[in-house]
Amino acid sequence: MIVRLCPALLFCLLFVSPLLAAEPAAKSKASLGMNLAGPVDWNTELPFVDVFRQSRPWVSQQQGSPWGQGPELALDEHGWVKSLESGCWAESPLCTIQGGHYPSGDFTVLYDGKGKLDFSGAAEVTSEEPGRLTLNVDAGRGGFSLQIRETDKSDYLRNIRVIMPGHVETYEQEPWNPAFLKLWRGVACLRFMDFMHTNDSTISTWAERPTMEDATWSQHGVPLEAMVDLVNRLECDAWFCMPHKADDDYVRRFAAQTKEKLDPQRKVYIEYSNEVWNGQFQQNRYAAEQGQKLGFADKAWEAAWYYTAYRSVEIFQIWQKEFGRQRLVRVLPSQAANPYVAQQILNFRDAAKQADALAIAPYLSMNLSPTGKPSSEEVASWTVDRLLDHAEQHSLPECTKWMEENHQLAAKHKLQLLAYEGGQHFVGVGGGESNEELTKLLHAANSNPRLGEIYAKYFAAWEANGGGIFCYFSSVGSWSKWGSWGALQSLDEDPADSPKYQAIAAWAQKLGQPIGE
């Protein structure tokens, strides 16, 4: 997980944000959206009944060599292994989840082609026939690996599926884990930023997009077809992040295919990449270079802001032509802590006049470093109550101010105010993440019922400041020194044990969304 540094700590705050003298706009109707976790082998959200969908890309192994040091693998256009050199094999780790937080029991492995599969770790083969294996998996032993030991060059192993217990008869018609669907049924919108592996994406053309035939979706993200199928099933809207390098043809085809497959009652939120203003991502450097080439600004950060506006409008225009205007929400994103950034993006070439919304990430922030005030070392000695006092007395007023300022700015431009991300942001940074006592404290705070009470005030502040859809970050994910982002740590966690989830669900229910019911 890439650490999300508090916007207040980034260089942009060198600019002074002027007071915004706009009359408040009418309040938008608030609603709960959700950011989903990205497809990787350690994903504890487990959205697919075919766990091979989030398997790790093939690791080349060679007898007598260190792990992962085999020769380059011969792969087809979808990532399937076409041939193996003598003494070599290809390996893919699956369900590398500790604590038994994925199903145990009999998994069914289906495949096309001829060759030999083997398994290591928590899985043992109990039956085998051409094209089909049964694995007995003990999740308490950790994850397991699938290995291609032999493959026929003329009919190589491909279309491998590893189906959870109880789903082999239905996985084609029902590819989504029922527990995953149940968790977020009633959500207003799903933001697919991590589902699409948006940060640092290498995709530039339609030919490079992920497809339903790919060996794994952990490399380039989940295909559009699957994302549209998910929102159709959940009867919610979709929030797509266009890759920062995507050319016009990619955008055009993405929009056209969405129109073809999306339920006509559903809306689409369109955003250019993710946090292009944020210097820790490649999309920021790319936008800065493009903006400088176009002569928008000499300073890299300004060039990135202006290119965000420029490219966003180009993308909006393509979507309007291919998808239509009625169900499209055109989103200009900015940095919550510094409305000056939003001013630059909204004003550049009148971008605001060609958009519908300003989106920010008003995190309840506490980013703790060895040199910060308070320092990570000092905070590590606090009690949970003292930390939550700080969150309530400092972090909450701070992010409420961000909401107020950005609402005023959105109102000035007659735009909705949305949250592309939000939630608690208690994390060590700049070396603070290596303080084990601090990590324990932050995890304890995320498990404390009082955080749910603070969340209630946090969401009330969002409503009071005219906020519309609020895409919480994030759905399900294990906690670590890099942050406690998941509302739940695993799909099998009892929601009643998570104050964060309970507060999120209670707010959604108050808004008329049946989350958790």
Protein backbone atom coordinates (compact mmCIF):
# COMPACT_ATOMS: atom_id res chain seq x y z
CA MET A 1 0.00 0.00 0.00
CA ILE A 2 1.42 3.39 -0.94
CA VAL A 3 1.33 5.73 2.05
CA ARG A 4 -1.02 8.63 1.44
CA LEU A 5 0.79 11.63 2.86
CA CYS A 6 -1.40 14.29 4.39
CA PRO A 7 -1.91 17.06 1.85
CA ALA A 8 -1.01 19.57 4.58
CA LEU A 9 2.57 18.28 4.53
CA LEU A 10 3.17 18.65 0.80
CA PHE A 11 4.97 21.46 -0.91
CA CYS A 12 1.81 23.03 -2.21
CA LEU A 13 1.08 24.46 1.20
CA LEU A 14 3.77 27.06 0.61
CA PHE A 15 1.04 29.00 -1.13
CA VAL A 16 -1.32 31.03 0.98
CA SER A 17 -4.96 30.21 0.45
CA PRO A 18 -7.04 33.39 0.26
CA LEU A 19 -10.42 33.56 1.95
CA LEU A 20 -13.11 32.68 -0.54
CA ALA A 21 -15.98 35.12 -0.57
CA ALA A 22 -18.66 33.14 -2.36
CA GLU A 23 -22.20 32.64 -1.17
CA PRO A 24 -22.74 29.03 -0.09
CA ALA A 25 -24.49 26.91 -2.68
CA ALA A 26 -27.51 24.82 -1.84
CA LYS A 27 -26.47 21.68 0.00
CA SER A 28 -25.86 18.64 -2.15
CA LYS A 29 -27.44 15.39 -1.10
CA ALA A 30 -24.75 13.47 0.71
CA SER A 31 -24.30 9.76 0.03
CA LEU A 32 -21.77 7.05 0.77
CA GLY A 33 -19.50 5.77 -1.97
CA MET A 34 -16.63 3.35 -1.53
CA ASN A 35 -13.08 2.83 -2.78
CA LEU A 36 -12.35 -0.84 -3.38
CA ALA A 37 -9.03 -2.58 -2.79
CA GLY A 38 -6.77 -3.43 -5.71
CA PRO A 39 -6.43 -6.99 -7.06
CA VAL A 40 -3.30 -8.52 -5.50
CA ASP A 41 -2.57 -11.92 -3.99
CA TRP A 42 -2.70 -10.56 -0.42
CA ASN A 43 -6.08 -8.85 -0.96
CA THR A 44 -8.36 -9.66 2.00
CA GLU A 45 -11.45 -8.23 0.28
CA LEU A 46 -11.71 -11.41 -1.85
CA PRO A 47 -14.18 -10.03 -4.41
CA PHE A 48 -13.87 -12.92 -6.88
CA VAL A 49 -14.80 -16.57 -6.33
CA ASP A 50 -11.97 -17.38 -8.76
CA VAL A 51 -8.97 -16.44 -6.62
CA PHE A 52 -6.62 -16.80 -9.59
CA ARG A 53 -8.02 -13.47 -10.81
CA GLN A 54 -5.83 -11.76 -8.21
CA SER A 55 -2.86 -14.13 -8.37
CA ARG A 56 0.64 -12.71 -8.50
CA PRO A 57 2.18 -12.42 -11.99
CA TRP A 58 4.28 -15.48 -12.86
CA VAL A 59 7.55 -15.85 -10.98
CA SER A 60 10.27 -17.63 -12.95
CA GLN A 61 12.04 -20.35 -10.95
CA GLN A 62 15.07 -22.44 -11.78
CA GLN A 63 16.45 -25.47 -10.01
CA GLY A 64 19.54 -24.51 -8.00
CA SER A 65 18.89 -20.74 -8.29
CA PRO A 66 17.59 -18.31 -5.66
CA TRP A 67 13.83 -17.78 -5.49
CA GLY A 68 12.53 -15.84 -8.47
CA GLN A 69 15.83 -15.92 -10.37
CA GLY A 70 14.81 -18.15 -13.29
CA PRO A 71 15.13 -17.11 -16.95
CA GLU A 72 12.67 -14.75 -18.61
CA LEU A 73 9.41 -16.55 -19.27
CA ALA A 74 7.85 -16.93 -22.72
CA LEU A 75 4.33 -15.49 -22.32
CA ASP A 76 1.47 -15.01 -24.76
CA GLU A 77 -0.46 -11.75 -25.11
CA HIS A 78 -2.62 -12.61 -22.10
CA GLY A 79 0.23 -13.62 -19.81
CA TRP A 80 -0.03 -17.41 -20.09
CA VAL A 81 3.23 -19.39 -20.10
CA LYS A 82 3.88 -20.77 -23.60
CA SER A 83 6.97 -22.84 -22.82
CA LEU A 84 9.50 -23.64 -20.10
CA GLU A 85 13.24 -24.16 -20.27
CA SER A 86 14.72 -27.36 -18.87
CA GLY A 87 14.91 -27.37 -15.08
CA CYS A 88 12.61 -24.36 -14.80
CA TRP A 89 9.04 -23.73 -13.71
CA ALA A 90 6.62 -20.83 -13.36
CA GLU A 91 5.03 -20.07 -10.01
CA SER A 92 2.19 -17.83 -8.87
CA PRO A 93 1.44 -17.18 -5.17
CA LEU A 94 -2.26 -17.15 -4.21
CA CYS A 95 -4.14 -16.01 -1.11
CA THR A 96 -1.01 -14.91 0.74
CA ILE A 97 -3.22 -13.99 3.68
CA GLN A 98 -2.22 -14.67 7.26
CA GLY A 99 -4.54 -15.62 10.08
CA GLY A 100 -6.80 -17.95 8.13
CA HIS A 101 -8.83 -15.07 6.65
CA TYR A 102 -9.88 -16.84 3.48
CA PRO A 103 -11.95 -19.99 2.97
CA SER A 104 -10.56 -23.41 3.81
CA GLY A 105 -11.87 -26.53 2.12
CA ASP A 106 -11.95 -28.02 -1.37
CA PHE A 107 -10.95 -25.60 -4.14
CA THR A 108 -11.49 -26.67 -7.75
CA VAL A 109 -8.78 -25.95 -10.31
CA LEU A 110 -9.88 -25.86 -13.95
CA TYR A 111 -7.61 -25.33 -16.96
CA ASP A 112 -7.19 -25.74 -20.69
CA GLY A 113 -4.19 -27.26 -22.41
CA LYS A 114 -1.73 -29.99 -21.52
CA GLY A 115 0.94 -30.00 -18.86
CA LYS A 116 1.61 -30.59 -15.21
CA LEU A 117 0.48 -28.40 -12.31
CA ASP A 118 1.82 -28.66 -8.79
CA PHE A 119 1.07 -26.78 -5.57
CA SER A 120 2.96 -25.78 -2.44
CA GLY A 121 2.05 -24.21 0.86
CA ALA A 122 -1.44 -24.61 2.29
CA ALA A 123 -2.85 -26.67 -0.62
CA GLU A 124 -2.72 -30.40 -1.33
CA VAL A 125 -4.03 -32.16 -4.44
CA THR A 126 -6.69 -34.71 -3.51
CA SER A 127 -7.97 -35.66 -6.96
CA GLU A 128 -6.86 -35.12 -10.53
CA GLU A 129 -8.12 -35.62 -14.07
CA PRO A 130 -7.34 -33.86 -17.35
CA GLY A 131 -8.40 -30.21 -17.09
CA ARG A 132 -9.45 -30.47 -13.44
CA LEU A 133 -7.89 -30.77 -9.98
CA THR A 134 -9.28 -30.69 -6.47
CA LEU A 135 -7.24 -28.99 -3.77
CA ASN A 136 -7.74 -29.30 -0.06
CA VAL A 137 -6.71 -25.95 1.37
CA ASP A 138 -6.04 -25.14 5.02
CA ALA A 139 -6.13 -21.34 5.23
CA GLY A 140 -4.67 -21.50 8.73
CA ARG A 141 -1.35 -22.46 7.16
CA GLY A 142 -1.11 -19.22 5.14
CA GLY A 143 -1.23 -18.95 1.38
CA PHE A 144 -0.33 -21.38 -1.37
CA SER A 145 1.36 -21.35 -4.76
CA LEU A 146 0.36 -22.78 -8.11
CA GLN A 147 3.28 -24.05 -10.17
CA ILE A 148 3.46 -24.90 -13.86
CA ARG A 149 6.02 -27.69 -13.93
CA GLU A 150 5.44 -28.81 -17.52
CA THR A 151 3.51 -27.35 -20.45
CA ASP A 152 2.95 -28.53 -24.03
CA LYS A 153 4.25 -25.89 -26.47
CA SER A 154 1.55 -26.80 -28.99
CA ASP A 155 -1.25 -26.75 -26.38
CA TYR A 156 0.15 -24.87 -23.40
CA LEU A 157 -1.65 -24.55 -20.08
CA ARG A 158 -3.98 -21.56 -19.99
CA ASN A 159 -7.36 -20.31 -18.74
CA ILE A 160 -6.48 -21.47 -15.23
CA ARG A 161 -9.22 -20.95 -12.67
CA VAL A 162 -8.99 -21.65 -8.93
CA ILE A 163 -12.54 -21.66 -7.58
CA MET A 164 -13.46 -21.23 -3.92
CA PRO A 165 -15.38 -24.04 -2.20
CA GLY A 166 -19.05 -24.16 -3.15
CA HIS A 167 -18.88 -22.08 -6.34
CA VAL A 168 -17.65 -24.36 -9.10
CA GLU A 169 -21.13 -24.89 -10.53
CA THR A 170 -22.02 -21.19 -10.58
CA TYR A 171 -18.79 -19.18 -10.97
CA GLU A 172 -19.39 -18.34 -14.64
CA GLN A 173 -22.81 -16.79 -13.98
CA GLU A 174 -21.92 -15.54 -10.47
CA PRO A 175 -18.24 -14.53 -10.51
CA TRP A 176 -18.48 -12.24 -7.46
CA ASN A 177 -18.06 -13.47 -3.91
CA PRO A 178 -21.56 -13.26 -2.34
CA ALA A 179 -20.10 -12.01 0.97
CA PHE A 180 -18.40 -9.15 -0.90
CA LEU A 181 -21.63 -8.20 -2.67
CA LYS A 182 -23.58 -8.31 0.58
CA LEU A 183 -21.09 -6.06 2.35
CA TRP A 184 -21.63 -3.06 0.06
CA ARG A 185 -25.13 -3.58 -1.29
CA GLY A 186 -26.75 -0.16 -1.01
CA VAL A 187 -23.58 1.84 -1.73
CA ALA A 188 -24.20 4.86 -3.98
CA CYS A 189 -21.00 4.59 -6.01
CA LEU A 190 -17.88 2.49 -6.34
CA ARG A 191 -14.61 4.30 -7.07
CA PHE A 192 -12.35 2.01 -9.05
CA MET A 193 -9.04 3.80 -8.53
CA ASP A 194 -7.22 0.83 -6.99
CA PHE A 195 -9.28 -1.70 -8.95
CA MET A 196 -7.78 -0.09 -12.08
CA HIS A 197 -4.25 0.17 -10.61
CA THR A 198 -4.47 3.87 -11.43
CA ASN A 199 -1.42 5.05 -9.48
CA ASP A 200 1.71 4.83 -11.63
CA SER A 201 -0.24 3.11 -14.42
CA THR A 202 1.72 2.23 -17.56
CA ILE A 203 -1.35 1.92 -19.81
CA SER A 204 -1.50 4.32 -22.75
CA THR A 205 -3.38 2.46 -25.49
CA TRP A 206 -6.54 0.36 -25.71
CA ALA A 207 -4.45 -2.67 -26.69
CA GLU A 208 -2.71 -2.48 -23.31
CA ARG A 209 -5.92 -2.57 -21.28
CA PRO A 210 -6.69 -5.51 -19.00
CA THR A 211 -9.05 -8.07 -20.54
CA MET A 212 -11.26 -10.89 -19.33
CA GLU A 213 -8.80 -13.37 -20.89
CA ASP A 214 -5.74 -12.17 -18.97
CA ALA A 215 -3.95 -14.67 -16.76
CA THR A 216 -4.23 -12.34 -13.77
CA TRP A 217 -5.71 -8.92 -13.03
CA SER A 218 -3.05 -8.09 -10.45
CA GLN A 219 -0.73 -6.62 -13.09
CA HIS A 220 -2.85 -4.06 -14.97
CA GLY A 221 -6.10 -4.00 -13.01
CA VAL A 222 -9.64 -5.27 -13.43
CA PRO A 223 -11.19 -5.13 -16.92
CA LEU A 224 -13.93 -2.65 -17.71
CA GLU A 225 -16.37 -5.49 -18.43
CA ALA A 226 -16.03 -6.79 -14.87
CA MET A 227 -16.32 -3.35 -13.27
CA VAL A 228 -19.49 -2.57 -15.20
CA ASP A 229 -20.92 -5.96 -14.31
CA LEU A 230 -20.27 -5.24 -10.63
CA VAL A 231 -22.04 -1.86 -10.56
CA ASN A 232 -24.93 -3.30 -12.56
CA ARG A 233 -25.34 -6.05 -9.97
CA LEU A 234 -25.10 -3.65 -7.03
CA GLU A 235 -27.28 -1.07 -8.79
CA CYS A 236 -24.82 1.72 -7.99
CA ASP A 237 -22.89 4.31 -9.97
CA ALA A 238 -19.32 3.95 -11.25
CA TRP A 239 -16.35 6.26 -10.67
CA PHE A 240 -13.61 5.62 -13.22
CA CYS A 241 -10.09 7.07 -13.18
CA MET A 242 -8.63 7.44 -16.67
CA PRO A 243 -4.93 6.40 -16.74
CA HIS A 244 -2.67 9.42 -16.91
CA LYS A 245 -0.99 8.29 -20.15
CA ALA A 246 -4.18 7.05 -21.85
CA ASP A 247 -4.53 8.36 -25.39
CA ASP A 248 -7.75 9.68 -26.90
CA ASP A 249 -8.55 6.35 -28.55
CA TYR A 250 -8.38 4.57 -25.19
CA VAL A 251 -10.72 7.13 -23.63
CA ARG A 252 -13.11 6.94 -26.59
CA ARG A 253 -13.32 3.15 -26.55
CA PHE A 254 -13.67 3.04 -22.76
CA ALA A 255 -16.57 5.49 -22.91
CA ALA A 256 -18.28 3.71 -25.81
CA GLN A 257 -18.03 0.30 -24.17
CA THR A 258 -19.35 1.70 -20.90
CA LYS A 259 -22.37 3.12 -22.70
CA GLU A 260 -22.98 -0.25 -24.36
CA LYS A 261 -22.80 -2.33 -21.18
CA LEU A 262 -23.81 -0.08 -18.29
CA ASP A 263 -27.36 -0.16 -16.89
CA PRO A 264 -29.05 2.94 -18.37
CA GLN A 265 -30.14 4.00 -14.87
CA ARG A 266 -26.54 4.31 -13.67
CA LYS A 267 -24.28 7.37 -13.74
CA VAL A 268 -20.54 7.58 -14.37
CA TYR A 269 -18.09 9.84 -12.53
CA ILE A 270 -15.00 10.57 -14.62
CA GLU A 271 -11.69 11.69 -13.13
CA TYR A 272 -8.27 12.15 -14.71
CA SER A 273 -5.98 9.66 -12.94
CA ASN A 274 -5.66 10.08 -9.15
CA GLU A 275 -4.07 12.86 -7.13
CA VAL A 276 -2.11 14.27 -10.05
CA TRP A 277 -1.05 17.09 -7.72
CA ASN A 278 0.70 14.58 -5.41
CA GLY A 279 4.45 14.42 -6.03
CA GLN A 280 4.81 10.82 -4.83
CA PHE A 281 3.06 9.48 -7.94
CA GLN A 282 4.37 9.10 -11.49
CA GLN A 283 1.23 10.77 -12.83
CA ASN A 284 2.35 14.00 -11.14
CA ARG A 285 5.72 13.93 -12.88
CA TYR A 286 4.12 13.04 -16.21
CA ALA A 287 1.59 15.88 -15.95
CA ALA A 288 4.34 18.32 -14.99
CA GLU A 289 6.40 17.33 -18.04
CA GLN A 290 3.41 17.59 -20.37
CA GLY A 291 2.37 20.93 -18.91
CA GLN A 292 5.86 22.31 -19.33
CA LYS A 293 6.07 21.07 -22.93
CA LEU A 294 2.80 22.85 -23.68
CA GLY A 295 4.11 26.04 -22.10
CA PHE A 296 1.54 26.15 -19.30
CA ALA A 297 4.11 26.97 -16.60
CA ASP A 298 7.81 26.74 -15.85
CA LYS A 299 7.40 25.39 -12.31
CA ALA A 300 6.71 21.68 -12.27
CA TRP A 301 3.91 21.80 -9.70
CA GLU A 302 2.05 24.56 -11.53
CA ALA A 303 2.47 22.78 -14.86
CA ALA A 304 0.96 19.63 -13.29
CA TRP A 305 -2.06 21.56 -11.98
CA TYR A 306 -2.73 23.22 -15.32
CA TYR A 307 -2.24 20.00 -17.28
CA THR A 308 -4.74 18.32 -14.93
CA ALA A 309 -7.33 20.92 -15.97
CA TYR A 310 -6.40 20.72 -19.65
CA ARG A 311 -6.39 16.93 -19.95
CA SER A 312 -9.50 16.57 -17.79
CA VAL A 313 -11.49 18.79 -20.14
CA GLU A 314 -10.24 16.86 -23.17
CA ILE A 315 -11.38 13.63 -21.51
CA PHE A 316 -14.75 15.15 -20.57
CA GLN A 317 -15.36 16.16 -24.18
CA ILE A 318 -14.62 12.66 -25.46
CA TRP A 319 -16.93 11.12 -22.86
CA GLN A 320 -19.70 13.56 -23.68
CA LYS A 321 -19.52 12.61 -27.35
CA GLU A 322 -19.31 8.84 -26.81
CA PHE A 323 -21.34 8.31 -23.63
CA GLY A 324 -23.64 11.30 -23.56
CA ARG A 325 -24.07 14.16 -21.15
CA GLN A 326 -27.11 13.18 -19.09
CA ARG A 327 -25.53 10.46 -16.93
CA LEU A 328 -21.99 11.89 -16.82
CA VAL A 329 -20.46 13.63 -13.80
CA ARG A 330 -17.29 15.47 -14.83
CA VAL A 331 -14.91 15.62 -11.88
CA LEU A 332 -12.01 18.03 -11.39
CA PRO A 333 -9.86 16.77 -8.49
CA SER A 334 -7.76 18.82 -6.09
CA GLN A 335 -5.89 18.86 -2.80
CA ALA A 336 -8.18 19.24 0.21
CA ALA A 337 -5.70 21.06 2.44
CA ASN A 338 -4.91 23.81 -0.04
CA PRO A 339 -7.79 25.45 -1.94
CA TYR A 340 -5.21 27.47 -3.88
CA VAL A 341 -4.55 24.32 -5.93
CA ALA A 342 -8.25 24.01 -6.75
CA GLN A 343 -8.38 27.67 -7.73
CA GLN A 344 -5.61 27.12 -10.26
CA ILE A 345 -7.20 23.99 -11.71
CA LEU A 346 -10.73 25.41 -11.87
CA ASN A 347 -9.66 28.71 -13.40
CA PHE A 348 -7.24 27.39 -16.00
CA ARG A 349 -8.87 28.00 -19.39
CA ASP A 350 -12.25 28.07 -17.59
CA ALA A 351 -12.09 24.37 -16.82
CA ALA A 352 -14.74 24.76 -14.12
CA LYS A 353 -17.29 25.75 -16.75
CA GLN A 354 -16.82 22.35 -18.39
CA ALA A 355 -17.07 20.32 -15.17
CA ASP A 356 -19.77 19.31 -12.70
CA ALA A 357 -17.84 18.73 -9.50
CA LEU A 358 -14.78 19.57 -7.45
CA ALA A 359 -13.47 16.50 -5.62
CA ILE A 360 -11.17 16.48 -2.61
CA ALA A 361 -9.95 14.00 0.01
CA PRO A 362 -10.79 15.61 3.39
CA TYR A 363 -9.02 13.05 5.55
CA LEU A 364 -9.17 13.09 9.33
CA SER A 365 -5.41 13.43 9.31
CA MET A 366 -2.68 12.58 11.77
CA ASN A 367 0.63 12.04 9.96
CA LEU A 368 3.35 11.34 12.48
CA SER A 369 7.05 11.69 11.76
CA PRO A 370 10.16 11.83 13.99
CA THR A 371 10.51 15.57 13.32
CA GLY A 372 6.80 16.47 13.44
CA LYS A 373 4.90 18.31 16.14
CA PRO A 374 3.90 16.20 17.94
CA SER A 375 6.61 13.72 16.95
CA SER A 376 5.99 10.06 16.27
CA GLU A 377 8.08 9.20 19.34
CA GLU A 378 5.99 11.42 21.59
CA VAL A 379 2.70 10.13 20.27
CA ALA A 380 3.87 6.53 20.68
CA SER A 381 3.82 7.13 24.45
CA TRP A 382 0.22 8.39 24.46
CA THR A 383 -2.85 6.47 25.50
CA VAL A 384 -5.57 5.71 22.97
CA ASP A 385 -7.81 8.30 24.61
CA ARG A 386 -5.16 10.99 24.31
CA LEU A 387 -4.65 10.19 20.64
CA LEU A 388 -8.39 10.34 19.99
CA ASP A 389 -8.56 13.61 21.96
CA HIS A 390 -6.02 14.99 19.51
CA ALA A 391 -8.03 13.66 16.58
CA GLU A 392 -11.21 15.26 17.86
CA GLN A 393 -9.72 18.55 19.02
CA HIS A 394 -7.20 19.12 16.22
CA SER A 395 -7.70 16.82 13.23
CA LEU A 396 -11.48 17.18 13.04
CA PRO A 397 -11.53 21.02 13.09
CA GLU A 398 -8.68 21.05 10.59
CA CYS A 399 -10.43 18.86 8.00
CA THR A 400 -13.74 20.64 8.66
CA LYS A 401 -12.00 23.87 7.65
CA TRP A 402 -10.84 22.18 4.45
CA MET A 403 -14.44 21.19 3.74
CA GLU A 404 -15.66 24.75 4.36
CA GLU A 405 -13.06 26.38 2.11
CA ASN A 406 -13.53 23.96 -0.74
CA HIS A 407 -17.31 24.16 -0.47
CA GLN A 408 -17.09 27.93 -0.84
CA LEU A 409 -14.85 27.55 -3.86
CA ALA A 410 -17.11 24.91 -5.45
CA ALA A 411 -20.13 27.13 -4.83
CA LYS A 412 -18.39 30.08 -6.47
CA HIS A 413 -18.05 27.98 -9.63
CA LYS A 414 -21.49 26.36 -9.28
CA LEU A 415 -19.96 22.92 -8.80
CA GLN A 416 -20.83 20.02 -6.51
CA LEU A 417 -18.34 19.23 -3.76
CA LEU A 418 -17.42 15.53 -3.69
CA ALA A 419 -14.94 13.42 -1.73
CA TYR A 420 -12.94 11.07 -3.92
CA GLU A 421 -11.45 9.66 -0.72
CA GLY A 422 -11.80 10.21 3.02
CA GLY A 423 -11.81 8.65 6.45
CA GLN A 424 -9.17 8.41 9.17
CA HIS A 425 -5.55 9.00 8.16
CA PHE A 426 -3.60 7.97 11.27
CA VAL A 427 -0.19 6.82 10.04
CA GLY A 428 3.52 7.10 10.65
CA VAL A 429 5.51 8.83 7.91
CA GLY A 430 9.12 9.81 7.27
CA GLY A 431 10.42 7.03 9.50
CA GLY A 432 7.55 7.15 11.97
CA GLU A 433 6.06 4.07 10.31
CA SER A 434 8.95 2.01 11.73
CA ASN A 435 8.00 2.79 15.33
CA GLU A 436 6.31 -0.41 16.43
CA GLU A 437 4.71 1.13 19.52
CA LEU A 438 3.20 3.88 17.37
CA THR A 439 1.78 1.33 14.95
CA LYS A 440 0.19 -0.60 17.83
CA LEU A 441 -1.34 2.61 19.17
CA LEU A 442 -2.78 3.64 15.79
CA HIS A 443 -4.27 0.20 15.27
CA ALA A 444 -5.80 0.31 18.75
CA ALA A 445 -7.33 3.71 17.98
CA ASN A 446 -8.85 2.32 14.79
CA SER A 447 -10.47 -0.44 16.85
CA ASN A 448 -11.79 1.86 19.58
CA PRO A 449 -15.54 2.59 19.79
CA ARG A 450 -14.80 6.26 20.32
CA LEU A 451 -13.49 6.55 16.75
CA GLY A 452 -17.00 5.71 15.61
CA GLU A 453 -18.30 8.67 17.63
CA ILE A 454 -15.73 10.96 16.01
CA TYR A 455 -16.75 9.61 12.59
CA ALA A 456 -20.35 10.63 13.28
CA LYS A 457 -19.18 14.23 13.82
CA TYR A 458 -16.92 14.00 10.79
CA PHE A 459 -19.73 12.92 8.47
CA ALA A 460 -22.03 15.56 9.97
CA ALA A 461 -19.43 18.20 9.09
CA TRP A 462 -19.38 16.90 5.51
CA GLU A 463 -23.15 17.26 5.26
CA ALA A 464 -23.11 20.71 6.88
CA ASN A 465 -20.63 21.91 4.29
CA GLY A 466 -22.68 20.85 1.30
CA GLY A 467 -20.79 17.67 0.56
CA GLY A 468 -22.23 15.26 -1.97
CA ILE A 469 -21.00 11.74 -2.57
CA PHE A 470 -18.28 10.67 -0.13
CA CYS A 471 -16.14 7.76 -1.37
CA TYR A 472 -14.65 6.27 1.77
CA PHE A 473 -11.09 4.92 1.63
CA SER A 474 -11.25 2.05 1.81
CA SER A 475 -13.41 -1.04 1.82
CA VAL A 476 -11.52 -4.08 3.16
CA GLY A 477 -7.79 -4.33 3.78
CA SER A 478 -5.40 -5.59 6.43
CA TRP A 479 -3.73 -3.01 8.64
CA SER A 480 0.03 -2.51 8.82
CA LYS A 481 2.62 0.13 9.63
CA TRP A 482 1.62 1.75 6.33
CA GLY A 483 -1.86 2.54 7.57
CA SER A 484 -5.18 1.19 8.85
CA TRP A 485 -7.20 1.92 5.73
CA GLY A 486 -9.74 -0.90 5.65
CA ALA A 487 -13.13 -0.33 7.24
CA LEU A 488 -12.80 -4.06 7.82
CA GLN A 489 -9.48 -5.89 7.94
CA SER A 490 -10.81 -8.97 6.17
CA LEU A 491 -14.00 -10.06 4.50
CA ASP A 492 -14.70 -12.58 7.25
CA GLU A 493 -14.37 -10.02 10.06
CA ASP A 494 -17.57 -9.52 12.03
CA PRO A 495 -18.73 -5.97 11.14
CA ALA A 496 -20.03 -5.63 14.70
CA ASP A 497 -16.38 -5.65 15.85
CA SER A 498 -15.43 -2.64 13.73
CA PRO A 499 -16.43 0.80 15.07
CA LYS A 500 -15.36 2.31 11.76
CA TYR A 501 -17.63 0.07 9.73
CA GLN A 502 -20.50 0.57 12.15
CA ALA A 503 -20.17 4.36 11.93
CA ILE A 504 -19.98 4.26 8.13
CA ALA A 505 -23.03 1.98 7.92
CA ALA A 506 -24.99 4.08 10.43
CA TRP A 507 -24.37 7.24 8.43
CA ALA A 508 -25.33 5.54 5.17
CA GLN A 509 -28.52 4.18 6.74
CA LYS A 510 -29.40 7.67 7.97
CA LEU A 511 -29.06 8.83 4.36
CA GLY A 512 -31.40 6.04 3.20
CA GLN A 513 -28.76 3.55 2.01
CA PRO A 514 -29.22 0.00 3.35
CA ILE A 515 -25.54 -0.67 4.08
CA GLY A 516 -25.09 -3.46 6.60
CA GLU A 517 -28.80 -4.20 6.92
